[in-house]
Amino acid sequence: MSTQAGVLPPKPDDALPDSTERFGPCPRCERLSNFKTFGHPLPVTLLDHTVQIGPQTVARDHVERISVLTCMGCGQNVVVLEEEFVGGKRWQEGLNSGTIQWRGIHWWPSPGMQPANQDVPAAVGDAMAEGTRCLAVQAPRAAVVMFRGVLAEIVADKGSSAAKGKNNLAAQLKQMATDGDLQPTLADWADHIRLIGNAGAHPSTLAPVSGEEAAELARLLISMLDYLYVMPAKITRSRAARTPSAPPSVTPPGP
């Protein structure tokens, strides 16, 4: 996909919304949704110089602002702290001409504040939620360490005795794959998440972790949890709903 010069590249569909691209997962209902702006943005970080914003109005320029977006799905509002980009670059880089756009950097409610899916074990969901909150506050190293912790909780929940008996996470995940508890694709994802999590835990010896890498791990983990927990539970409920009830027993009349 080509990107127009001098503007921000399109964000992924599952990245959080902002006023530039008003679509993405809602931090409240957690569904992919479209959003509409609510009211007017509120300037937050002001500069020393002023700008003309009307025929008779002059105000201090600003480079960060608060926007309120309304989810078209649940109807609730989400607060977004946004940073100014000019010509596709952050304002700190000194560009003074080009298209002005705004990109979200913090959201309230923070993603991960809502209760985890009831089909996901509490320990797994709590680790995932904490990693998601780290991601929302621009702490990618902390996020990937928690995402690695999600894998450890999956081993504790679904791993065999042989897997749990291994002395490190890599060996545990490999044993789960051997046992058939992780399909080959999921095992490959899990090993990738583990390696990036190691980089977050050991920044002095491994390459730094970017926000984009952490966001990608979150997407992989959501898909893993859907496959391991959510979809099987949905299928079980669907089958139970279609199982006909046994007819009531009838005692034959006596002689």
C-alpha atoms as a PDB file:
ATOM      1  CA  MET A   1       0.000   0.000   0.000  1.00  0.00           C
ATOM      2  CA  SER A   2       1.460   3.374  -1.013  1.00  0.00           C
ATOM      3  CA  THR A   3       1.542   6.221   1.500  1.00  0.00           C
ATOM      4  CA  GLN A   4       1.062   9.853   0.555  1.00  0.00           C
ATOM      5  CA  ALA A   5       4.208  11.882   1.168  1.00  0.00           C
ATOM      6  CA  GLY A   6       4.074  14.287   4.091  1.00  0.00           C
ATOM      7  CA  VAL A   7       1.302  12.532   6.027  1.00  0.00           C
ATOM      8  CA  LEU A   8       1.116   9.813   8.650  1.00  0.00           C
ATOM      9  CA  PRO A   9       0.920   6.232   7.364  1.00  0.00           C
ATOM     10  CA  PRO A  10      -2.458   4.553   7.917  1.00  0.00           C
ATOM     11  CA  LYS A  11      -2.721   2.904  11.306  1.00  0.00           C
ATOM     12  CA  PRO A  12      -3.699  -0.783  11.582  1.00  0.00           C
ATOM     13  CA  ASP A  13      -7.420  -1.434  11.912  1.00  0.00           C
ATOM     14  CA  ASP A  14      -6.904  -2.876  15.392  1.00  0.00           C
ATOM     15  CA  ALA A  15      -4.870   0.081  16.695  1.00  0.00           C
ATOM     16  CA  LEU A  16      -6.665   2.403  19.118  1.00  0.00           C
ATOM     17  CA  PRO A  17      -8.652   5.296  17.611  1.00  0.00           C
ATOM     18  CA  ASP A  18      -7.758   8.969  17.513  1.00  0.00           C
ATOM     19  CA  SER A  19      -9.257  12.027  15.846  1.00  0.00           C
ATOM     20  CA  THR A  20      -7.200  11.495  12.675  1.00  0.00           C
ATOM     21  CA  GLU A  21      -8.430   7.927  12.144  1.00  0.00           C
ATOM     22  CA  ARG A  22     -11.652   7.410  14.054  1.00  0.00           C
ATOM     23  CA  PHE A  23     -11.860   3.617  14.069  1.00  0.00           C
ATOM     24  CA  GLY A  24     -10.385   0.767  16.067  1.00  0.00           C
ATOM     25  CA  PRO A  25     -11.035  -1.219  19.254  1.00  0.00           C
ATOM     26  CA  CYS A  26     -13.093   0.562  21.899  1.00  0.00           C
ATOM     27  CA  PRO A  27     -11.370   0.538  25.328  1.00  0.00           C
ATOM     28  CA  ARG A  28     -14.818   0.268  26.926  1.00  0.00           C
ATOM     29  CA  CYS A  29     -16.722  -2.400  24.964  1.00  0.00           C
ATOM     30  CA  GLU A  30     -13.533  -3.862  23.362  1.00  0.00           C
ATOM     31  CA  ARG A  31     -15.251  -4.222  19.980  1.00  0.00           C
ATOM     32  CA  LEU A  32     -13.894  -2.884  16.697  1.00  0.00           C
ATOM     33  CA  SER A  33     -15.944   0.217  16.037  1.00  0.00           C
ATOM     34  CA  ASN A  34     -16.180   3.581  14.339  1.00  0.00           C
ATOM     35  CA  PHE A  35     -16.088   6.728  16.450  1.00  0.00           C
ATOM     36  CA  LYS A  36     -17.307  10.301  16.179  1.00  0.00           C
ATOM     37  CA  THR A  37     -15.814  13.360  17.845  1.00  0.00           C
ATOM     38  CA  PHE A  38     -17.606  14.754  20.888  1.00  0.00           C
ATOM     39  CA  GLY A  39     -17.288  18.511  21.374  1.00  0.00           C
ATOM     40  CA  HIS A  40     -14.072  20.371  20.603  1.00  0.00           C
ATOM     41  CA  PRO A  41     -10.481  19.354  21.418  1.00  0.00           C
ATOM     42  CA  LEU A  42      -8.939  20.894  24.550  1.00  0.00           C
ATOM     43  CA  PRO A  43      -5.362  22.251  24.231  1.00  0.00           C
ATOM     44  CA  VAL A  44      -2.996  20.775  26.818  1.00  0.00           C
ATOM     45  CA  THR A  45       0.673  21.530  26.085  1.00  0.00           C
ATOM     46  CA  LEU A  46       1.021  25.155  24.980  1.00  0.00           C
ATOM     47  CA  LEU A  47       3.861  26.905  23.144  1.00  0.00           C
ATOM     48  CA  ASP A  48       5.109  30.446  23.742  1.00  0.00           C
ATOM     49  CA  HIS A  49       4.013  31.833  20.387  1.00  0.00           C
ATOM     50  CA  THR A  50       0.460  32.617  19.313  1.00  0.00           C
ATOM     51  CA  VAL A  51      -1.566  31.792  16.211  1.00  0.00           C
ATOM     52  CA  GLN A  52      -4.502  33.462  14.524  1.00  0.00           C
ATOM     53  CA  ILE A  53      -7.556  31.174  14.824  1.00  0.00           C
ATOM     54  CA  GLY A  54     -10.252  33.596  13.713  1.00  0.00           C
ATOM     55  CA  PRO A  55     -10.794  37.117  12.374  1.00  0.00           C
ATOM     56  CA  GLN A  56     -10.395  38.600  15.851  1.00  0.00           C
ATOM     57  CA  THR A  57      -9.040  35.689  17.892  1.00  0.00           C
ATOM     58  CA  VAL A  58      -5.417  34.979  18.783  1.00  0.00           C
ATOM     59  CA  ALA A  59      -4.406  32.063  21.013  1.00  0.00           C
ATOM     60  CA  ARG A  60      -1.259  30.301  22.108  1.00  0.00           C
ATOM     61  CA  ASP A  61      -0.323  27.463  19.798  1.00  0.00           C
ATOM     62  CA  HIS A  62      -0.412  23.936  21.211  1.00  0.00           C
ATOM     63  CA  VAL A  63       1.196  20.603  20.347  1.00  0.00           C
ATOM     64  CA  GLU A  64      -0.799  18.238  22.542  1.00  0.00           C
ATOM     65  CA  ARG A  65      -4.535  18.164  23.049  1.00  0.00           C
ATOM     66  CA  ILE A  66      -7.349  16.114  24.507  1.00  0.00           C
ATOM     67  CA  SER A  67     -10.048  14.786  22.187  1.00  0.00           C
ATOM     68  CA  VAL A  68     -13.194  12.944  23.228  1.00  0.00           C
ATOM     69  CA  LEU A  69     -14.443  10.226  20.872  1.00  0.00           C
ATOM     70  CA  THR A  70     -17.820   8.494  21.081  1.00  0.00           C
ATOM     71  CA  CYS A  71     -17.947   4.786  20.247  1.00  0.00           C
ATOM     72  CA  MET A  72     -20.663   4.110  17.679  1.00  0.00           C
ATOM     73  CA  GLY A  73     -21.059   0.626  19.151  1.00  0.00           C
ATOM     74  CA  CYS A  74     -21.597   1.143  22.886  1.00  0.00           C
ATOM     75  CA  GLY A  75     -22.259   4.905  22.824  1.00  0.00           C
ATOM     76  CA  GLN A  76     -19.666   5.597  25.541  1.00  0.00           C
ATOM     77  CA  ASN A  77     -16.961   8.253  25.386  1.00  0.00           C
ATOM     78  CA  VAL A  78     -13.210   7.672  25.266  1.00  0.00           C
ATOM     79  CA  VAL A  79     -10.664  10.365  26.172  1.00  0.00           C
ATOM     80  CA  VAL A  80      -7.580  10.532  23.940  1.00  0.00           C
ATOM     81  CA  LEU A  81      -4.429  12.566  24.589  1.00  0.00           C
ATOM     82  CA  GLU A  82      -3.053  13.389  21.143  1.00  0.00           C
ATOM     83  CA  GLU A  83       0.265  14.677  19.823  1.00  0.00           C
ATOM     84  CA  GLU A  84       0.648  16.976  16.825  1.00  0.00           C
ATOM     85  CA  PHE A  85       2.348  15.802  13.639  1.00  0.00           C
ATOM     86  CA  VAL A  86       3.294  18.218  10.837  1.00  0.00           C
ATOM     87  CA  GLY A  87       4.085  16.839   7.409  1.00  0.00           C
ATOM     88  CA  GLY A  88       4.056  13.318   8.837  1.00  0.00           C
ATOM     89  CA  LYS A  89       6.692  14.175  11.497  1.00  0.00           C
ATOM     90  CA  ARG A  90       6.429  14.867  15.226  1.00  0.00           C
ATOM     91  CA  TRP A  91       6.313  18.543  16.058  1.00  0.00           C
ATOM     92  CA  GLN A  92       9.645  18.276  17.959  1.00  0.00           C
ATOM     93  CA  GLU A  93      11.410  17.640  14.666  1.00  0.00           C
ATOM     94  CA  GLY A  94      10.907  21.268  13.742  1.00  0.00           C
ATOM     95  CA  LEU A  95       8.862  21.081  10.547  1.00  0.00           C
ATOM     96  CA  ASN A  96       6.861  24.281  10.125  1.00  0.00           C
ATOM     97  CA  SER A  97       4.840  23.393   7.054  1.00  0.00           C
ATOM     98  CA  GLY A  98       2.777  20.469   5.846  1.00  0.00           C
ATOM     99  CA  THR A  99      -0.415  18.669   6.740  1.00  0.00           C
ATOM    100  CA  ILE A 100      -1.296  18.898  10.449  1.00  0.00           C
ATOM    101  CA  GLN A 101      -2.520  15.621  11.948  1.00  0.00           C
ATOM    102  CA  TRP A 102      -3.021  14.295  15.454  1.00  0.00           C
ATOM    103  CA  ARG A 103      -2.049  10.872  16.742  1.00  0.00           C
ATOM    104  CA  GLY A 104      -3.189   9.377  20.053  1.00  0.00           C
ATOM    105  CA  ILE A 105      -0.578   8.620  22.711  1.00  0.00           C
ATOM    106  CA  HIS A 106      -2.740   7.894  25.817  1.00  0.00           C
ATOM    107  CA  TRP A 107      -6.325   6.715  26.226  1.00  0.00           C
ATOM    108  CA  TRP A 108      -8.864   6.657  29.056  1.00  0.00           C
ATOM    109  CA  PRO A 109     -10.157   4.202  30.004  1.00  0.00           C
ATOM    110  CA  SER A 110      -6.846   2.484  29.440  1.00  0.00           C
ATOM    111  CA  PRO A 111      -7.108  -0.710  27.389  1.00  0.00           C
ATOM    112  CA  GLY A 112      -7.124  -3.689  29.725  1.00  0.00           C
ATOM    113  CA  MET A 113      -9.174  -1.922  32.392  1.00  0.00           C
ATOM    114  CA  GLN A 114     -12.305  -3.904  31.509  1.00  0.00           C
ATOM    115  CA  PRO A 115     -12.825  -7.388  32.996  1.00  0.00           C
ATOM    116  CA  ALA A 116     -11.187 -10.158  30.972  1.00  0.00           C
ATOM    117  CA  ASN A 117     -13.282 -12.489  28.843  1.00  0.00           C
ATOM    118  CA  GLN A 118     -15.003 -14.941  31.174  1.00  0.00           C
ATOM    119  CA  ASP A 119     -13.758 -17.856  29.076  1.00  0.00           C
ATOM    120  CA  VAL A 120     -10.106 -16.966  29.751  1.00  0.00           C
ATOM    121  CA  PRO A 121      -8.670 -18.152  33.107  1.00  0.00           C
ATOM    122  CA  ALA A 122      -8.212 -15.308  35.582  1.00  0.00           C
ATOM    123  CA  ALA A 123      -4.422 -15.636  35.831  1.00  0.00           C
ATOM    124  CA  VAL A 124      -4.052 -15.587  32.043  1.00  0.00           C
ATOM    125  CA  GLY A 125      -6.462 -12.668  31.625  1.00  0.00           C
ATOM    126  CA  ASP A 126      -4.850 -10.622  34.400  1.00  0.00           C
ATOM    127  CA  ALA A 127      -1.387 -10.940  32.845  1.00  0.00           C
ATOM    128  CA  MET A 128      -2.773  -9.994  29.434  1.00  0.00           C
ATOM    129  CA  ALA A 129      -4.631  -6.985  30.854  1.00  0.00           C
ATOM    130  CA  GLU A 130      -1.529  -5.716  32.651  1.00  0.00           C
ATOM    131  CA  GLY A 131       0.521  -5.995  29.469  1.00  0.00           C
ATOM    132  CA  THR A 132      -2.176  -4.146  27.542  1.00  0.00           C
ATOM    133  CA  ARG A 133      -2.159  -1.321  30.092  1.00  0.00           C
ATOM    134  CA  CYS A 134       1.622  -1.046  29.751  1.00  0.00           C
ATOM    135  CA  LEU A 135       1.208  -0.798  25.992  1.00  0.00           C
ATOM    136  CA  ALA A 136      -1.386   1.970  26.365  1.00  0.00           C
ATOM    137  CA  VAL A 137       1.019   4.150  28.379  1.00  0.00           C
ATOM    138  CA  GLN A 138       3.867   3.729  25.874  1.00  0.00           C
ATOM    139  CA  ALA A 139       5.852   1.231  27.960  1.00  0.00           C
ATOM    140  CA  PRO A 140       6.650  -1.444  25.344  1.00  0.00           C
ATOM    141  CA  ARG A 141       9.395  -3.176  27.347  1.00  0.00           C
ATOM    142  CA  ALA A 142       7.101  -3.688  30.318  1.00  0.00           C
ATOM    143  CA  ALA A 143       4.310  -4.782  27.964  1.00  0.00           C
ATOM    144  CA  VAL A 144       6.304  -7.560  26.286  1.00  0.00           C
ATOM    145  CA  VAL A 145       7.571  -8.846  29.632  1.00  0.00           C
ATOM    146  CA  MET A 146       3.952  -9.223  30.752  1.00  0.00           C
ATOM    147  CA  PHE A 147       3.018 -10.826  27.429  1.00  0.00           C
ATOM    148  CA  ARG A 148       5.777 -13.365  28.048  1.00  0.00           C
ATOM    149  CA  GLY A 149       4.152 -13.902  31.431  1.00  0.00           C
ATOM    150  CA  VAL A 150       0.897 -14.762  29.664  1.00  0.00           C
ATOM    151  CA  LEU A 151       2.705 -17.702  28.055  1.00  0.00           C
ATOM    152  CA  ALA A 152       3.869 -18.903  31.470  1.00  0.00           C
ATOM    153  CA  GLU A 153       0.276 -18.804  32.710  1.00  0.00           C
ATOM    154  CA  ILE A 154      -0.881 -20.758  29.644  1.00  0.00           C
ATOM    155  CA  VAL A 155       1.707 -23.440  30.443  1.00  0.00           C
ATOM    156  CA  ALA A 156       0.478 -23.558  34.040  1.00  0.00           C
ATOM    157  CA  ASP A 157      -3.128 -23.917  32.867  1.00  0.00           C
ATOM    158  CA  LYS A 158      -2.880 -26.195  29.824  1.00  0.00           C
ATOM    159  CA  GLY A 159       0.544 -27.810  29.968  1.00  0.00           C
ATOM    160  CA  SER A 160       1.069 -31.454  30.825  1.00  0.00           C
ATOM    161  CA  SER A 161       3.055 -32.556  33.862  1.00  0.00           C
ATOM    162  CA  ALA A 162       6.001 -33.082  31.528  1.00  0.00           C
ATOM    163  CA  ALA A 163       5.726 -29.524  30.214  1.00  0.00           C
ATOM    164  CA  LYS A 164       5.383 -27.992  33.664  1.00  0.00           C
ATOM    165  CA  GLY A 165       8.395 -29.978  34.825  1.00  0.00           C
ATOM    166  CA  LYS A 166      10.763 -28.333  32.336  1.00  0.00           C
ATOM    167  CA  ASN A 167      13.125 -25.761  33.822  1.00  0.00           C
ATOM    168  CA  ASN A 168      12.541 -22.869  31.403  1.00  0.00           C
ATOM    169  CA  LEU A 169       9.748 -21.410  29.313  1.00  0.00           C
ATOM    170  CA  ALA A 170      11.311 -22.351  25.964  1.00  0.00           C
ATOM    171  CA  ALA A 171      11.452 -26.023  26.948  1.00  0.00           C
ATOM    172  CA  GLN A 172       7.935 -25.880  28.391  1.00  0.00           C
ATOM    173  CA  LEU A 173       6.482 -24.482  25.170  1.00  0.00           C
ATOM    174  CA  LYS A 174       8.401 -27.036  23.095  1.00  0.00           C
ATOM    175  CA  GLN A 175       6.976 -29.838  25.239  1.00  0.00           C
ATOM    176  CA  MET A 176       3.444 -28.469  24.822  1.00  0.00           C
ATOM    177  CA  ALA A 177       3.961 -28.555  21.052  1.00  0.00           C
ATOM    178  CA  THR A 178       5.243 -32.149  21.279  1.00  0.00           C
ATOM    179  CA  ASP A 179       2.230 -33.104  23.393  1.00  0.00           C
ATOM    180  CA  GLY A 180      -0.136 -31.553  20.859  1.00  0.00           C
ATOM    181  CA  ASP A 181      -1.373 -28.927  23.323  1.00  0.00           C
ATOM    182  CA  LEU A 182      -0.037 -26.201  21.022  1.00  0.00           C
ATOM    183  CA  GLN A 183      -0.539 -26.516  17.292  1.00  0.00           C
ATOM    184  CA  PRO A 184       2.593 -25.807  15.199  1.00  0.00           C
ATOM    185  CA  THR A 185       1.510 -22.294  14.225  1.00  0.00           C
ATOM    186  CA  LEU A 186       0.637 -21.378  17.814  1.00  0.00           C
ATOM    187  CA  ALA A 187       3.915 -22.861  19.022  1.00  0.00           C
ATOM    188  CA  ASP A 188       5.776 -20.678  16.522  1.00  0.00           C
ATOM    189  CA  TRP A 189       3.876 -17.593  17.697  1.00  0.00           C
ATOM    190  CA  ALA A 190       4.553 -18.473  21.324  1.00  0.00           C
ATOM    191  CA  ASP A 191       8.287 -18.797  20.721  1.00  0.00           C
ATOM    192  CA  HIS A 192       8.332 -15.419  18.954  1.00  0.00           C
ATOM    193  CA  ILE A 193       6.493 -13.810  21.889  1.00  0.00           C
ATOM    194  CA  ARG A 194       8.928 -15.446  24.311  1.00  0.00           C
ATOM    195  CA  LEU A 195      11.977 -14.110  22.455  1.00  0.00           C
ATOM    196  CA  ILE A 196      10.651 -10.536  22.297  1.00  0.00           C
ATOM    197  CA  GLY A 197       9.694 -10.802  25.966  1.00  0.00           C
ATOM    198  CA  ASN A 198      13.292 -11.754  26.740  1.00  0.00           C
ATOM    199  CA  ALA A 199      14.444  -8.614  24.925  1.00  0.00           C
ATOM    200  CA  GLY A 200      12.169  -6.523  27.127  1.00  0.00           C
ATOM    201  CA  ALA A 201      13.539  -8.137  30.272  1.00  0.00           C
ATOM    202  CA  HIS A 202      17.216  -7.819  29.226  1.00  0.00           C
ATOM    203  CA  PRO A 203      17.566  -4.461  27.414  1.00  0.00           C
ATOM    204  CA  SER A 204      21.309  -4.222  28.086  1.00  0.00           C
ATOM    205  CA  THR A 205      22.112  -7.405  26.173  1.00  0.00           C
ATOM    206  CA  LEU A 206      19.356  -7.644  23.533  1.00  0.00           C
ATOM    207  CA  ALA A 207      17.976  -5.228  20.941  1.00  0.00           C
ATOM    208  CA  PRO A 208      15.441  -2.685  22.269  1.00  0.00           C
ATOM    209  CA  VAL A 209      11.723  -3.335  21.860  1.00  0.00           C
ATOM    210  CA  SER A 210       9.642  -0.885  19.825  1.00  0.00           C
ATOM    211  CA  GLY A 211       6.035   0.057  20.388  1.00  0.00           C
ATOM    212  CA  GLU A 212       5.151  -1.535  17.062  1.00  0.00           C
ATOM    213  CA  GLU A 213       6.699  -4.859  18.139  1.00  0.00           C
ATOM    214  CA  ALA A 214       4.806  -4.786  21.434  1.00  0.00           C
ATOM    215  CA  ALA A 215       1.522  -4.019  19.653  1.00  0.00           C
ATOM    216  CA  GLU A 216       2.116  -6.922  17.274  1.00  0.00           C
ATOM    217  CA  LEU A 217       2.687  -9.282  20.210  1.00  0.00           C
ATOM    218  CA  ALA A 218      -0.604  -8.125  21.715  1.00  0.00           C
ATOM    219  CA  ARG A 219      -2.401  -8.983  18.481  1.00  0.00           C
ATOM    220  CA  LEU A 220      -0.777 -12.422  18.343  1.00  0.00           C
ATOM    221  CA  LEU A 221      -1.708 -13.153  21.940  1.00  0.00           C
ATOM    222  CA  ILE A 222      -5.323 -12.101  21.448  1.00  0.00           C
ATOM    223  CA  SER A 223      -5.534 -14.556  18.550  1.00  0.00           C
ATOM    224  CA  MET A 224      -3.906 -17.275  20.676  1.00  0.00           C
ATOM    225  CA  LEU A 225      -6.344 -16.751  23.540  1.00  0.00           C
ATOM    226  CA  ASP A 226      -9.268 -16.817  21.130  1.00  0.00           C
ATOM    227  CA  TYR A 227      -8.073 -20.141  19.714  1.00  0.00           C
ATOM    228  CA  LEU A 228      -7.170 -21.753  23.048  1.00  0.00           C
ATOM    229  CA  TYR A 229     -10.048 -20.543  25.210  1.00  0.00           C
ATOM    230  CA  VAL A 230     -12.731 -18.354  23.660  1.00  0.00           C
ATOM    231  CA  MET A 231     -13.651 -20.318  20.533  1.00  0.00           C
ATOM    232  CA  PRO A 232     -13.754 -23.746  22.272  1.00  0.00           C
ATOM    233  CA  ALA A 233     -16.041 -22.286  24.956  1.00  0.00           C
ATOM    234  CA  LYS A 234     -18.338 -20.785  22.312  1.00  0.00           C
ATOM    235  CA  ILE A 235     -18.538 -24.109  20.481  1.00  0.00           C
ATOM    236  CA  THR A 236     -19.329 -25.927  23.737  1.00  0.00           C
ATOM    237  CA  ARG A 237     -22.142 -23.489  24.528  1.00  0.00           C
ATOM    238  CA  SER A 238     -23.505 -23.720  20.992  1.00  0.00           C
ATOM    239  CA  ARG A 239     -23.555 -27.509  21.104  1.00  0.00           C
ATOM    240  CA  ALA A 240     -25.226 -27.497  24.506  1.00  0.00           C
ATOM    241  CA  ALA A 241     -27.918 -25.152  23.236  1.00  0.00           C
ATOM    242  CA  ARG A 242     -28.718 -27.513  20.345  1.00  0.00           C
ATOM    243  CA  THR A 243     -28.756 -30.713  22.399  1.00  0.00           C
ATOM    244  CA  PRO A 244     -32.399 -31.786  22.765  1.00  0.00           C
ATOM    245  CA  SER A 245     -33.617 -32.251  26.281  1.00  0.00           C
ATOM    246  CA  ALA A 246     -34.333 -35.795  27.324  1.00  0.00           C
ATOM    247  CA  PRO A 247     -38.082 -36.496  27.408  1.00  0.00           C
ATOM    248  CA  PRO A 248     -39.540 -36.754  30.882  1.00  0.00           C
ATOM    249  CA  SER A 249     -39.724 -40.284  32.188  1.00  0.00           C
ATOM    250  CA  VAL A 250     -43.206 -41.730  32.394  1.00  0.00           C
ATOM    251  CA  THR A 251     -44.095 -44.398  34.899  1.00  0.00           C
ATOM    252  CA  PRO A 252     -46.388 -46.950  33.275  1.00  0.00           C
ATOM    253  CA  PRO A 253     -49.721 -47.379  34.987  1.00  0.00           C
ATOM    254  CA  GLY A 254     -50.013 -50.272  37.365  1.00  0.00           C
ATOM    255  CA  PRO A 255     -52.149 -53.319  36.709  1.00  0.00           C
END
